[in-house]
């Protein structure tokens, strides 16, 4: 069972979980997603909540419904998500980092050194 964040609707959290799984390669382009009822039963939530999450993904052109077959990841979904995440990073995260660096008086060079160190350690 999943630990839900009380600050965000569950259907939105499911959408984000599936997006992350697409980015990680859990759901490849062309692959079928689990049925609404299976997801609802596994997560112990209402099937309408799952349907709403799936509909958000359909609206973003990341998945499609094939009548009588289920939901499938569309070609290009992972690349579309990467571009979206990159844009969010550039427009939201970097400005937040800049403000934090200013607040804590951390020189840019110190931040870059630490960033390079952590990138090396994660490889």
Protein backbone atom coordinates (compact mmCIF):
# COMPACT_ATOMS: atom_id res chain seq x y z
CA UNK A 1 0.00 0.00 0.00
CA UNK A 2 1.17 3.54 -0.75
CA UNK A 3 1.66 6.33 1.76
CA UNK A 4 -0.40 9.19 0.40
CA UNK A 5 0.47 12.86 0.74
CA UNK A 6 -2.45 14.68 2.38
CA UNK A 7 -1.57 17.91 0.57
CA UNK A 8 -2.33 16.57 -2.90
CA UNK A 9 -5.27 14.61 -4.33
CA UNK A 10 -4.61 10.85 -4.63
CA UNK A 11 -5.44 10.81 -8.35
CA UNK A 12 -2.73 13.41 -8.94
CA UNK A 13 -0.23 11.35 -6.93
CA UNK A 14 -1.07 8.26 -9.00
CA UNK A 15 -0.53 10.25 -12.20
CA UNK A 16 2.87 11.41 -10.94
CA UNK A 17 3.79 7.87 -9.88
CA UNK A 18 3.00 6.52 -13.35
CA UNK A 19 4.91 9.39 -14.98
CA UNK A 20 7.94 8.56 -12.84
CA UNK A 21 7.63 4.88 -13.74
CA UNK A 22 7.52 5.79 -17.45
CA UNK A 23 10.69 7.87 -16.99
CA UNK A 24 12.39 4.98 -15.17
CA UNK A 25 11.44 2.50 -17.89
CA UNK A 26 9.03 0.47 -15.77
CA UNK A 27 6.36 1.16 -18.41
CA UNK A 28 7.88 1.19 -21.89
CA UNK A 29 6.30 2.79 -24.93
CA UNK A 30 3.60 0.51 -26.26
CA UNK A 31 3.27 -1.45 -23.03
CA UNK A 32 -0.07 -1.97 -21.31
CA UNK A 33 -0.72 -0.40 -17.94
CA UNK A 34 -2.51 -2.43 -15.28
CA UNK A 35 -6.29 -2.18 -15.44
CA UNK A 36 -8.07 0.45 -13.38
CA UNK A 37 -9.61 -2.23 -11.18
CA UNK A 38 -6.28 -3.97 -10.54
CA UNK A 39 -4.61 -0.71 -9.53
CA UNK A 40 -7.56 0.23 -7.33
CA UNK A 41 -7.51 -3.16 -5.61
CA UNK A 42 -3.72 -3.15 -5.15
CA UNK A 43 -3.73 0.37 -3.71
CA UNK A 44 -6.98 -0.12 -1.81
CA UNK A 45 -8.59 2.96 -3.33
CA UNK A 46 -11.73 3.70 -5.33
CA UNK A 47 -11.52 2.75 -9.01
CA UNK A 48 -12.85 6.20 -9.97
CA UNK A 49 -9.72 7.73 -8.45
CA UNK A 50 -7.54 5.58 -10.71
CA UNK A 51 -9.72 6.41 -13.71
CA UNK A 52 -9.24 10.10 -13.03
CA UNK A 53 -5.44 9.64 -12.86
CA UNK A 54 -5.45 7.69 -16.12
CA UNK A 55 -7.59 10.37 -17.76
CA UNK A 56 -5.03 13.03 -16.79
CA UNK A 57 -2.36 10.93 -18.52
CA UNK A 58 -4.59 10.57 -21.60
CA UNK A 59 -5.13 14.34 -21.62
CA UNK A 60 -1.34 14.84 -21.59
CA UNK A 61 -1.00 12.43 -24.54
CA UNK A 62 1.17 10.04 -22.53
CA UNK A 63 -1.17 7.06 -22.65
CA UNK A 64 -4.09 6.00 -24.82
CA UNK A 65 -7.13 3.84 -24.27
CA UNK A 66 -7.59 1.00 -26.72
CA UNK A 67 -11.19 -0.07 -26.59
CA UNK A 68 -11.50 -3.53 -25.09
CA UNK A 69 -7.74 -3.81 -24.48
CA UNK A 70 -6.89 -1.22 -21.82
CA UNK A 71 -4.45 1.64 -21.43
CA UNK A 72 -1.13 1.78 -23.30
CA UNK A 73 1.91 4.05 -23.09
CA UNK A 74 2.17 6.16 -26.23
CA UNK A 75 5.34 6.40 -28.34
CA UNK A 76 7.40 9.40 -27.25
CA UNK A 77 5.88 9.52 -23.75
CA UNK A 78 9.23 9.17 -21.96
CA UNK A 79 10.87 11.86 -24.09
CA UNK A 80 7.90 14.18 -23.57
CA UNK A 81 8.18 13.70 -19.80
CA UNK A 82 11.94 14.33 -19.86
CA UNK A 83 11.40 17.62 -21.67
CA UNK A 84 8.66 18.60 -19.23
CA UNK A 85 10.85 17.78 -16.20
CA UNK A 86 13.80 19.64 -17.73
CA UNK A 87 11.64 22.72 -18.29
CA UNK A 88 10.36 22.58 -14.70
CA UNK A 89 13.93 22.28 -13.44
CA UNK A 90 14.99 25.34 -15.43
CA UNK A 91 12.03 27.52 -14.54
CA UNK A 92 11.23 26.43 -10.97
CA UNK A 93 14.11 24.56 -9.35
CA UNK A 94 17.08 26.62 -10.50
CA UNK A 95 15.53 29.93 -9.38
CA UNK A 96 14.83 28.29 -5.98
CA UNK A 97 18.43 27.11 -5.76
CA UNK A 98 19.69 30.59 -6.63
CA UNK A 99 17.56 32.13 -3.88
CA UNK A 100 18.76 29.56 -1.36
CA UNK A 101 22.42 30.14 -2.26
CA UNK A 102 21.88 33.86 -1.68
CA UNK A 103 20.15 33.28 1.67
CA UNK A 104 22.93 31.07 3.00
CA UNK A 105 25.75 33.10 1.43
CA UNK A 106 27.12 30.10 -0.42
CA UNK A 107 29.44 30.98 -3.30
CA UNK A 108 28.50 29.51 -6.66
CA UNK A 109 31.87 27.76 -6.94
CA UNK A 110 31.29 25.92 -3.63
CA UNK A 111 27.91 24.79 -4.87
CA UNK A 112 29.36 23.60 -8.19
CA UNK A 113 32.12 21.65 -6.40
CA UNK A 114 29.56 19.93 -4.17
CA UNK A 115 27.31 19.21 -7.13
CA UNK A 116 30.20 17.65 -9.08
CA UNK A 117 31.16 15.58 -6.02
CA UNK A 118 27.64 14.22 -5.61
CA UNK A 119 27.33 13.47 -9.32
CA UNK A 120 30.58 11.47 -9.18
CA UNK A 121 29.42 9.57 -6.09
CA UNK A 122 26.12 8.65 -7.73
CA UNK A 123 27.75 7.07 -10.77
